[in-house]
Protein backbone atom coordinates (compact mmCIF):
# COMPACT_ATOMS: atom_id res chain seq x y z
CA MET A 1 -13.50 -21.94 -15.93
CA ALA A 2 -12.96 -18.96 -13.59
CA GLN A 3 -11.70 -19.67 -10.11
CA VAL A 4 -14.33 -18.75 -7.49
CA LEU A 5 -12.84 -17.36 -4.28
CA GLU A 6 -14.55 -16.48 -1.05
CA PHE A 7 -13.85 -13.11 0.59
CA LYS A 8 -14.42 -13.11 4.33
CA LEU A 9 -14.95 -10.19 6.68
CA PRO A 10 -11.36 -9.24 7.54
CA ASP A 11 -9.99 -8.39 10.95
CA LEU A 12 -10.35 -4.61 11.04
CA GLY A 13 -7.85 -4.27 13.87
CA GLU A 14 -7.74 -3.33 17.56
CA GLY A 15 -9.52 -6.47 18.74
CA LEU A 16 -12.76 -5.85 16.84
CA THR A 17 -14.62 -9.16 16.51
CA GLU A 18 -17.72 -8.21 14.54
CA ALA A 19 -19.25 -5.63 12.24
CA GLU A 20 -22.70 -4.74 10.97
CA ILE A 21 -23.42 -4.52 7.25
CA VAL A 22 -24.62 -0.96 6.62
CA ARG A 23 -24.70 -0.81 2.83
CA TRP A 24 -23.70 -3.08 -0.02
CA LEU A 25 -21.72 -1.23 -2.68
CA VAL A 26 -21.95 -4.03 -5.28
CA ASP A 27 -24.65 -6.42 -6.52
CA VAL A 28 -24.46 -10.04 -7.58
CA GLY A 29 -23.24 -10.06 -11.19
CA ASP A 30 -21.22 -6.84 -10.88
CA VAL A 31 -17.63 -6.79 -12.09
CA VAL A 32 -15.25 -5.60 -9.35
CA ALA A 33 -11.62 -4.54 -9.53
CA VAL A 34 -8.88 -5.48 -7.10
CA ASP A 35 -9.14 -3.32 -3.94
CA GLN A 36 -12.54 -1.93 -4.94
CA PRO A 37 -14.76 -1.20 -1.88
CA VAL A 38 -17.62 -3.72 -1.91
CA VAL A 39 -19.44 -3.14 1.39
CA GLU A 40 -19.73 -0.49 4.07
CA VAL A 41 -19.72 -1.89 7.60
CA GLU A 42 -20.06 -0.34 11.03
CA THR A 43 -17.77 -1.55 13.79
CA ALA A 44 -17.78 -0.53 17.41
CA LYS A 45 -15.37 2.23 16.43
CA ALA A 46 -16.21 3.58 12.99
CA MET A 47 -17.88 3.20 9.60
CA VAL A 48 -15.48 1.42 7.25
CA GLU A 49 -15.56 0.67 3.54
CA VAL A 50 -14.13 -2.81 3.03
CA PRO A 51 -12.14 -3.39 -0.20
CA CYS A 52 -12.10 -6.79 -1.89
CA PRO A 53 -8.64 -8.24 -2.62
CA TYR A 54 -9.91 -10.10 -5.71
CA GLY A 55 -10.97 -8.87 -9.14
CA GLY A 56 -13.76 -10.51 -11.15
CA VAL A 57 -17.51 -11.06 -11.02
CA VAL A 58 -19.48 -11.13 -7.77
CA THR A 59 -21.30 -14.49 -7.68
CA ALA A 60 -22.90 -14.29 -4.23
CA ARG A 61 -23.34 -11.94 -1.28
CA PHE A 62 -23.73 -13.11 2.30
CA GLY A 63 -25.88 -11.13 4.72
CA GLU A 64 -28.55 -8.48 4.34
CA GLU A 65 -28.01 -4.85 5.27
CA GLY A 66 -28.38 -4.61 9.03
CA THR A 67 -26.94 -8.08 9.64
CA GLU A 68 -24.11 -8.35 12.19
CA LEU A 69 -21.30 -10.68 11.13
CA PRO A 70 -18.27 -11.95 13.04
CA VAL A 71 -14.75 -11.51 11.71
CA GLY A 72 -14.04 -14.46 9.40
CA ALA A 73 -17.63 -14.88 8.20
CA PRO A 74 -18.12 -14.91 4.40
CA LEU A 75 -18.95 -11.56 2.79
CA LEU A 76 -19.09 -12.50 -0.88
CA THR A 77 -17.64 -14.79 -3.55
CA VAL A 78 -15.86 -13.63 -6.68
CA ALA A 79 -15.25 -15.48 -9.95
CA VAL A 80 -11.70 -14.22 -10.38
CA GLY A 81 -10.89 -12.88 -13.81
CA ALA A 82 -14.42 -13.38 -15.18
CA THR A 83 -16.34 -10.62 -16.93
CA SER A 84 -19.80 -12.19 -16.66
CA MET A 85 -21.59 -14.61 -14.37
CA PRO A 86 -20.14 -18.11 -14.76
CA GLY A 87 -22.75 -20.76 -15.48
CA ALA A 88 -21.75 -22.80 -12.44
CA ALA A 89 -22.50 -19.89 -10.16
CA SER A 90 -25.77 -18.79 -11.73
CA ALA A 91 -27.94 -20.65 -9.24
CA ALA A 92 -26.20 -19.07 -6.30
CA GLY A 93 -26.19 -15.69 -7.99
CA ALA A 94 -29.93 -15.84 -8.58
CA ALA A 95 -30.50 -14.72 -5.01
CA GLU A 96 -29.91 -11.02 -4.53
CA SER A 97 -28.33 -11.59 -1.13
CA VAL A 98 -27.81 -14.80 0.79
CA PRO A 99 -27.13 -15.75 4.40
CA ALA A 100 -23.75 -17.08 5.38
CA SER A 101 -23.16 -20.66 6.46
CA SER A 102 -24.56 -21.46 9.88
CA ASN A 103 -21.83 -23.95 10.75
CA GLY A 104 -19.75 -21.13 12.31
CA SER A 105 -16.62 -22.11 10.40
CA GLY A 106 -16.80 -19.35 7.82
CA ALA A 107 -16.45 -21.93 5.00
CA ALA A 108 -18.83 -21.93 2.08
CA SER A 109 -19.50 -24.69 -0.38
CA GLY A 110 -21.63 -25.43 -3.41
CA SER A 111 -21.80 -23.72 -6.74
CA GLY A 112 -21.65 -20.20 -5.36
CA ALA A 113 -18.68 -20.58 -3.05
CA ALA A 114 -16.54 -23.53 -4.07
CA ARG A 115 -12.81 -22.89 -4.13
CA ALA A 116 -11.20 -23.86 -7.37
CA SER A 117 -8.09 -26.01 -7.21
CA GLY A 118 -6.24 -24.17 -9.94
CA PRO A 119 -3.31 -21.77 -9.46
CA ALA A 120 -3.68 -18.92 -7.00
CA ALA A 121 -5.36 -15.87 -8.45
CA GLU A 122 -3.68 -12.52 -8.54
CA GLY A 123 -4.42 -10.77 -5.26
CA SER A 124 -4.56 -7.29 -3.85
CA GLY A 125 -1.48 -5.16 -3.52
CA ASN A 126 -2.89 -3.91 -0.21
CA VAL A 127 -2.90 -6.00 2.92
CA LEU A 128 -6.07 -6.59 4.91
CA VAL A 129 -5.59 -8.36 8.22
CA GLY A 130 -6.08 -12.01 7.35
CA TYR A 131 -5.34 -11.47 3.64
CA GLY A 132 -1.92 -11.34 2.05
CA THR A 133 -0.88 -9.63 -1.13
CA ALA A 134 -1.70 -12.72 -3.15
CA ALA A 135 -4.57 -15.18 -2.96
CA PRO A 136 -3.72 -18.21 -0.78
CA ALA A 137 -3.53 -21.64 -2.28
CA ALA A 138 -6.75 -23.60 -1.98
CA ARG A 139 -6.92 -25.95 1.00
CA ARG A 140 -9.26 -28.76 1.78
CA ARG A 141 -11.44 -28.25 4.81
CA ARG A 142 -13.14 -30.85 6.92
CA VAL A 143 -16.84 -30.46 7.54
CA ARG A 144 -17.42 -30.25 11.29
CA ARG A 145 -20.66 -31.25 12.89
CA ASP A 146 -22.68 -28.58 14.59
CA ALA A 147 -21.27 -28.22 18.11
CA THR A 148 -24.76 -27.78 19.53
CA GLY A 149 -26.18 -30.90 17.89
CA PRO A 150 -26.73 -34.22 19.68
CA ALA A 151 -23.83 -36.64 19.72
CA GLY A 152 -24.15 -39.82 17.69
CA PRO A 153 -24.06 -43.30 19.17
CA ALA A 154 -20.80 -44.32 20.81
CA GLY A 155 -18.38 -45.64 18.23
CA ALA A 156 -20.63 -44.67 15.33
CA PRO A 157 -18.82 -43.22 12.31
CA ALA A 158 -19.25 -39.56 11.50
CA PRO A 159 -22.01 -38.92 8.97
CA ALA A 160 -20.86 -38.45 5.40
CA PRO A 161 -20.97 -34.84 4.20
CA ALA A 162 -23.98 -33.95 2.14
CA PRO A 163 -23.44 -33.36 -1.58
CA ALA A 164 -22.75 -29.85 -2.70
CA SER A 165 -26.28 -29.36 -3.93
CA ALA A 166 -27.63 -30.08 -0.43
CA SER A 167 -24.98 -28.34 1.64
CA ALA A 168 -24.51 -25.11 -0.27
CA THR A 169 -24.56 -22.05 1.90
CA ALA A 170 -26.19 -19.99 -0.85
CA THR A 171 -29.95 -20.06 -1.28
CA VAL A 172 -31.87 -20.47 -4.51
CA THR A 173 -34.87 -18.33 -5.27
CA THR A 174 -37.87 -20.68 -5.66
CA GLY A 175 -40.72 -18.26 -5.19
CA ALA A 176 -40.78 -18.80 -1.41
CA ALA A 177 -38.78 -16.93 1.22
CA PRO A 178 -35.16 -18.16 1.07
CA ALA A 179 -33.85 -20.23 3.96
CA PRO A 180 -30.30 -21.41 4.64
CA VAL A 181 -29.56 -25.00 3.57
CA VAL A 182 -26.83 -26.36 5.83
CA PRO A 183 -25.63 -29.70 7.25
CA ALA A 184 -27.59 -30.29 10.47
CA PRO A 185 -28.79 -33.02 12.83
CA ALA A 186 -31.86 -34.92 11.80
CA ASP A 187 -34.20 -32.86 13.94
CA GLY A 188 -33.59 -29.70 11.93
CA PRO A 189 -31.03 -26.96 11.24
CA VAL A 190 -29.86 -24.39 13.73
CA PRO A 191 -29.53 -21.10 11.82
CA VAL A 192 -26.58 -19.46 13.56
CA ILE A 193 -23.72 -17.63 11.86
CA SER A 194 -21.76 -16.21 14.74
CA PRO A 195 -19.43 -18.39 16.79
CA LEU A 196 -19.85 -15.77 19.52
CA VAL A 197 -23.57 -16.57 19.66
CA ARG A 198 -22.84 -20.29 19.91
CA LYS A 199 -20.28 -19.69 22.66
CA LEU A 200 -22.74 -17.53 24.62
CA ALA A 201 -25.43 -20.22 24.32
CA ARG A 202 -23.02 -22.88 25.56
CA GLU A 203 -21.93 -20.74 28.50
CA LYS A 204 -25.56 -20.13 29.50
CA GLY A 205 -26.58 -23.77 28.98
CA LEU A 206 -29.14 -22.76 26.35
CA ASP A 207 -30.36 -25.13 23.62
CA LEU A 208 -30.42 -23.09 20.41
CA ARG A 209 -33.16 -25.36 19.00
CA ARG A 210 -35.58 -23.72 21.41
CA LEU A 211 -35.13 -20.31 19.80
CA ARG A 212 -36.73 -18.60 16.85
CA GLY A 213 -34.24 -16.14 15.43
CA SER A 214 -35.15 -12.54 14.70
CA GLY A 215 -32.55 -12.18 11.93
CA PRO A 216 -33.04 -12.69 8.18
CA ASP A 217 -34.54 -16.12 7.42
CA GLY A 218 -34.79 -16.90 11.14
CA LEU A 219 -31.10 -16.31 11.82
CA ILE A 220 -30.39 -16.47 15.56
CA LEU A 221 -28.64 -13.33 16.78
CA ARG A 222 -26.88 -12.55 20.04
CA ALA A 223 -29.87 -10.47 21.17
CA ASP A 224 -32.09 -13.55 20.77
CA VAL A 225 -29.84 -15.56 23.09
CA GLU A 226 -29.73 -12.75 25.65
CA ARG A 227 -33.54 -12.47 25.59
CA ALA A 228 -33.87 -16.21 26.03
CA VAL A 229 -31.49 -16.22 28.99
CA ALA A 230 -33.45 -13.40 30.66
CA ALA A 231 -36.85 -15.00 29.95
CA PRO A 232 -38.38 -17.76 32.14
CA ALA A 233 -38.09 -21.33 30.82
CA THR A 234 -40.81 -22.22 28.30
CA GLU A 235 -41.41 -24.82 25.63
CA GLU A 236 -40.07 -22.42 23.04
CA VAL A 237 -38.58 -18.97 23.52
CA PRO A 238 -39.69 -16.58 20.78
CA ALA A 239 -37.19 -14.07 19.51
CA ALA A 240 -39.43 -11.11 20.23
CA ALA A 241 -42.72 -11.98 21.89
CA PRO A 242 -44.90 -8.86 21.80
CA ALA A 243 -46.60 -7.98 25.08
CA ALA A 244 -50.36 -7.80 25.20
CA ALA A 245 -51.72 -4.33 24.54
CA GLY A 246 -51.57 -2.25 27.68
CA ALA A 247 -49.95 -5.04 29.73
CA VAL A 248 -46.63 -4.35 31.44
CA ALA A 249 -44.91 -7.17 33.31
CA ALA A 250 -43.49 -6.53 36.74
CA GLY A 251 -40.05 -4.99 36.44
CA ALA A 252 -40.42 -4.65 32.66
CA GLY A 253 -38.92 -1.75 30.78
CA GLU A 254 -37.33 -0.79 27.52
CA ARG A 255 -34.21 -2.83 26.76
CA VAL A 256 -31.59 -1.09 24.64
CA PRO A 257 -28.82 -3.39 23.35
CA LEU A 258 -25.31 -2.32 24.29
CA ARG A 259 -23.72 -2.61 20.88
CA GLY A 260 -21.78 -0.54 18.40
CA VAL A 261 -20.24 2.63 19.79
CA ARG A 262 -22.34 2.53 22.97
CA GLY A 263 -21.26 -1.02 23.69
CA ALA A 264 -17.60 -0.25 23.07
CA VAL A 265 -17.77 2.78 25.37
CA ALA A 266 -19.47 0.70 28.08
CA ASP A 267 -16.80 -1.99 27.90
CA LYS A 268 -13.94 0.50 28.02
CA LEU A 269 -15.34 2.56 30.89
CA ALA A 270 -16.13 -0.55 32.92
CA ARG A 271 -12.62 -1.85 32.36
CA SER A 272 -11.15 1.50 33.37
CA ARG A 273 -13.09 1.57 36.63
CA THR A 274 -12.24 -2.08 37.33
CA GLU A 275 -8.51 -1.97 36.62
CA ILE A 276 -7.35 1.59 37.29
CA PRO A 277 -7.13 3.01 40.83
CA ASP A 278 -7.87 6.56 39.79
CA ALA A 279 -7.88 9.81 41.74
CA THR A 280 -8.96 13.33 40.77
CA CYS A 281 -7.67 16.77 41.66
CA TRP A 282 -8.96 20.09 40.38
CA VAL A 283 -8.30 23.82 40.45
CA ASP A 284 -10.00 27.02 39.31
CA ALA A 285 -8.00 29.22 36.97
CA ASP A 286 -8.37 32.73 35.56
CA ALA A 287 -8.53 32.25 31.77
CA THR A 288 -8.93 35.94 30.94
CA GLU A 289 -5.39 36.33 29.58
CA LEU A 290 -5.62 33.10 27.57
CA MET A 291 -8.84 34.28 25.88
CA ALA A 292 -7.22 37.66 25.16
CA ALA A 293 -4.14 35.98 23.67
CA ARG A 294 -6.29 33.84 21.39
CA ALA A 295 -8.27 36.89 20.23
CA ALA A 296 -5.03 38.73 19.44
CA MET A 297 -3.64 35.75 17.49
CA ASN A 298 -6.78 35.48 15.39
CA ALA A 299 -6.92 39.24 14.80
CA ALA A 300 -3.40 39.13 13.32
CA GLY A 301 -4.61 37.22 10.25
CA GLY A 302 -3.88 33.73 9.03
CA PRO A 303 -5.61 30.52 10.05
CA LYS A 304 -7.84 30.81 13.10
CA ILE A 305 -6.62 29.18 16.30
CA SER A 306 -9.10 27.22 18.40
CA LEU A 307 -9.19 27.30 22.18
CA LEU A 308 -8.86 23.50 22.19
CA ALA A 309 -5.59 23.81 20.23
CA LEU A 310 -4.15 26.21 22.82
CA LEU A 311 -5.18 23.86 25.64
CA ALA A 312 -3.57 21.00 23.72
CA ARG A 313 -0.29 22.93 23.46
CA ILE A 314 -0.43 23.52 27.21
CA CYS A 315 -1.03 19.80 27.83
CA VAL A 316 1.92 18.82 25.65
CA ALA A 317 4.21 21.22 27.52
CA ALA A 318 2.97 19.90 30.87
CA LEU A 319 3.53 16.29 29.80
CA ALA A 320 7.12 17.13 28.84
CA ARG A 321 7.64 18.12 32.48
CA HIS A 322 5.66 15.21 33.92
CA PRO A 323 6.13 12.24 31.57
CA GLU A 324 4.71 9.86 34.19
CA LEU A 325 1.24 10.90 33.02
CA ASN A 326 1.98 10.00 29.39
CA SER A 327 2.25 6.30 30.11
CA ARG A 328 0.40 3.02 30.61
CA VAL A 329 0.72 0.20 33.12
CA ASP A 330 1.69 -3.34 32.09
CA MET A 331 0.52 -5.37 35.07
CA ALA A 332 1.62 -8.67 33.52
CA ALA A 333 5.21 -7.43 33.50
CA ARG A 334 4.63 -5.18 36.52
CA GLU A 335 6.08 -2.23 34.63
CA ILE A 336 5.10 1.35 33.84
CA VAL A 337 5.61 2.03 30.14
CA ARG A 338 6.40 5.69 29.47
CA VAL A 339 5.63 6.65 25.89
CA PRO A 340 7.93 9.23 24.25
CA GLU A 341 5.32 10.44 21.74
CA VAL A 342 2.18 12.33 22.72
CA HIS A 343 -0.83 11.04 20.80
CA LEU A 344 -3.56 13.30 22.13
CA GLY A 345 -7.12 12.03 22.28
CA PHE A 346 -10.04 14.44 22.62
CA ALA A 347 -13.64 13.67 23.45
CA ALA A 348 -16.14 14.51 20.70
CA GLN A 349 -19.91 14.05 20.88
CA THR A 350 -21.50 12.76 17.64
CA ASP A 351 -24.85 11.34 16.54
CA ARG A 352 -23.35 7.86 17.02
CA GLY A 353 -22.32 8.66 20.58
CA LEU A 354 -19.14 9.77 22.29
CA VAL A 355 -15.94 9.10 20.34
CA VAL A 356 -12.34 9.92 21.17
CA PRO A 357 -10.34 10.68 18.00
CA VAL A 358 -6.58 10.81 18.37
CA VAL A 359 -4.25 13.55 17.10
CA ARG A 360 -0.98 11.80 16.25
CA ASP A 361 2.31 13.37 17.34
CA ALA A 362 0.65 16.32 19.04
CA HIS A 363 4.02 17.26 20.57
CA ARG A 364 5.37 18.08 17.11
CA ARG A 365 2.43 20.22 15.97
CA THR A 366 1.91 23.97 16.04
CA ALA A 367 -1.30 25.57 17.25
CA GLU A 368 -2.37 25.99 13.61
CA SER A 369 -1.71 22.33 12.83
CA LEU A 370 -3.56 21.20 15.94
CA THR A 371 -6.56 23.36 15.04
CA ALA A 372 -6.71 21.87 11.54
CA GLU A 373 -6.44 18.30 12.82
CA PHE A 374 -9.09 18.83 15.51
CA THR A 375 -11.40 20.20 12.83
CA ARG A 376 -10.76 17.31 10.43
CA LEU A 377 -11.30 14.62 13.03
CA THR A 378 -14.41 16.29 14.46
CA GLU A 379 -16.02 16.55 11.03
CA ALA A 380 -15.13 12.94 10.27
CA GLY A 381 -16.64 11.88 13.59
CA ARG A 382 -19.93 13.64 12.85
CA ALA A 383 -20.00 12.11 9.38
CA GLY A 384 -19.26 8.64 10.77
CA THR A 385 -16.14 8.24 8.63
CA LEU A 386 -13.49 7.93 11.33
CA THR A 387 -11.29 4.89 10.81
CA PRO A 388 -10.14 2.54 13.58
CA ALA A 389 -6.69 4.12 13.25
CA ASP A 390 -8.22 7.54 14.00
CA LEU A 391 -9.71 6.22 17.24
CA THR A 392 -6.89 4.19 18.76
CA GLY A 393 -3.38 4.61 20.10
CA GLY A 394 -3.93 7.63 22.32
CA THR A 395 -1.54 8.29 25.21
CA PHE A 396 -3.37 11.16 26.98
CA THR A 397 -6.90 12.58 26.61
CA LEU A 398 -8.18 16.16 26.73
CA ASN A 399 -11.90 16.39 27.56
CA ASN A 400 -13.59 19.76 27.04
CA TYR A 401 -16.91 19.07 28.76
CA GLY A 402 -17.45 22.81 29.13
CA VAL A 403 -19.19 22.74 25.73
CA PHE A 404 -22.10 21.02 27.53
CA GLY A 405 -22.49 23.99 29.85
CA VAL A 406 -21.05 22.36 32.97
CA ASP A 407 -18.35 23.68 35.25
CA GLY A 408 -16.69 20.53 36.55
CA SER A 409 -16.49 16.77 36.32
CA THR A 410 -14.41 13.78 37.43
CA PRO A 411 -13.45 12.17 34.11
CA ILE A 412 -13.03 8.42 33.74
CA ILE A 413 -9.60 7.57 32.32
CA ASN A 414 -9.58 6.33 28.74
CA HIS A 415 -8.05 2.87 29.34
CA PRO A 416 -5.14 2.04 28.96
CA GLU A 417 -3.98 5.66 29.32
CA ALA A 418 -2.84 7.03 32.67
CA ALA A 419 -4.58 10.40 32.85
CA MET A 420 -7.21 12.74 31.44
CA LEU A 421 -7.50 16.52 31.73
CA GLY A 422 -11.03 17.90 31.98
CA VAL A 423 -11.93 21.49 31.11
CA GLY A 424 -15.18 23.13 32.24
CA ARG A 425 -16.96 26.09 30.75
CA ILE A 426 -15.28 29.50 30.88
CA VAL A 427 -17.65 31.97 32.53
CA PRO A 428 -17.42 35.44 34.12
CA LYS A 429 -16.99 35.17 37.89
CA PRO A 430 -15.84 37.41 40.74
CA TRP A 431 -12.07 36.97 41.14
CA VAL A 432 -9.33 38.70 43.07
CA HIS A 433 -6.99 40.09 40.44
CA GLU A 434 -3.90 42.13 41.41
CA GLY A 435 -5.34 42.66 44.89
CA GLN A 436 -8.69 43.91 43.62
CA LEU A 437 -12.04 42.18 43.24
CA ALA A 438 -12.86 41.97 39.53
CA VAL A 439 -15.00 40.02 37.11
CA ARG A 440 -12.74 37.56 35.29
CA GLN A 441 -13.16 34.63 32.87
CA VAL A 442 -12.81 31.60 35.16
CA VAL A 443 -12.49 27.91 34.26
CA GLN A 444 -12.31 24.79 36.39
CA LEU A 445 -9.63 22.26 35.42
CA SER A 446 -9.69 18.68 36.68
CA LEU A 447 -7.12 15.92 36.31
CA THR A 448 -7.99 12.26 36.79
CA PHE A 449 -4.86 10.11 37.01
CA ASP A 450 -3.83 6.51 37.55
CA HIS A 451 -2.39 6.41 41.08
CA ARG A 452 -0.13 3.52 40.06
CA VAL A 453 1.98 5.73 37.79
CA CYS A 454 2.48 8.65 40.17
CA ASP A 455 1.50 10.18 43.49
CA GLY A 456 -0.48 13.32 44.22
CA GLY A 457 2.59 15.53 44.10
CA THR A 458 3.25 14.75 40.44
CA ALA A 459 -0.40 15.09 39.50
CA GLY A 460 -0.67 18.37 41.41
CA GLY A 461 2.48 19.69 39.73
CA PHE A 462 1.06 18.87 36.29
CA LEU A 463 -2.27 20.53 37.01
CA ARG A 464 -0.66 23.59 38.59
CA TYR A 465 1.55 24.09 35.52
CA VAL A 466 -1.51 23.83 33.24
CA ALA A 467 -3.33 26.40 35.38
CA ASP A 468 -0.32 28.74 35.35
CA CYS A 469 -0.20 28.61 31.53
CA VAL A 470 -3.94 29.31 31.34
CA GLU A 471 -3.57 32.29 33.63
CA GLN A 472 -0.32 33.57 32.10
CA PRO A 473 0.11 32.30 28.52
CA ALA A 474 3.60 33.86 28.44
CA VAL A 475 4.72 30.94 30.65
CA LEU A 476 4.19 28.70 27.65
CA LEU A 477 6.56 30.71 25.46
CA ARG A 478 9.53 29.13 27.18
CA THR A 479 8.54 25.75 25.71
CA LEU A 480 7.73 26.82 22.15
């Protein structure tokens, strides 16, 4: 008999704790190969195709498209080495997609998710966080009572676990809408997958039995808990109680959940403002010669050079002179960590919101290489295919907000970096050039910096060098 292994949502890195199922790439009964992508999920940072480390037949899927799952929750089960649905898993496989266990432990039981006790199956050659290169040996797991359930009588023994047929996390199609069958207190189950939801309910003193979940099969989601906390106490708090037609409660308004990219941006900006004592300085610069130099480079043939790439080269040269701004602060150790490499982030607006892709080793790249990498990352951002690695690890950020038609701004530092250079639009303005009033292409440059890593003199020196290179691109030739 084939060994049935459970594949859980892996840790996708950089502290991500949850992901939303966007699209299943396999169905129950499909044969999958080792490392074959089985589901597309959306994290707070990117859309990611998740590969399965096991090869065999898919016996069950956990979660509908649109469901948000925590890291460690079951995604699917695979009969390793099988080429068709094993008889023992047919009941679980009858459901097209099933909810995960609501006990928060990430363990599944029953015919669709039981771990076989035979030898470890051959695993993936790739390493997902939480998964090695071979399948782990099966371990016994204790069934824990629901943390939100009532405690039993003092000294009473723990209830015996229900048989597999009653405690299976998979559902069986019976003609009615499927519902999760899980161990629960006598007064009914609490359909919760996410341990984060349970933790939030505990912190707010909320009894989950009072909620009706808005997720598949009544699954209680984080939004349901947040609504219940905001709502006045009632006998039962509905997940989404529609308001009477035309009635608007005092202080009511549209509530937009802070989740996905928007939620990640909110968390990061709030942390930046809370932890970093930032300051901003700015200067106007005559960019006429820089624009002329770019036009001449592109007229000479070869790959086109973007303005952003030239600004990036200027930033790299300025950071070589002022390495204090290519650093981060470790307050626990009370140290400033200066990073030798320049991994340059740049702000890009996409349909999913603002993202900051990172160009690795920008200090080693030519203008042509920078242009190509900016183009690749921007296109990936618009397509929603940036990986977490593309969006993390930056040491300095370049923000060209001039594309939005604005002249100036005071950027918020991309935590945990120490500085960000902002570039406004380049527009014709009156300017004194060589002692004469002339119309020149003028840009405003602003630098927001962490005052813990340097004082105003260093920040001013950095910004003045950037402005000098914009005004006289020949200054940059000494660093190339």
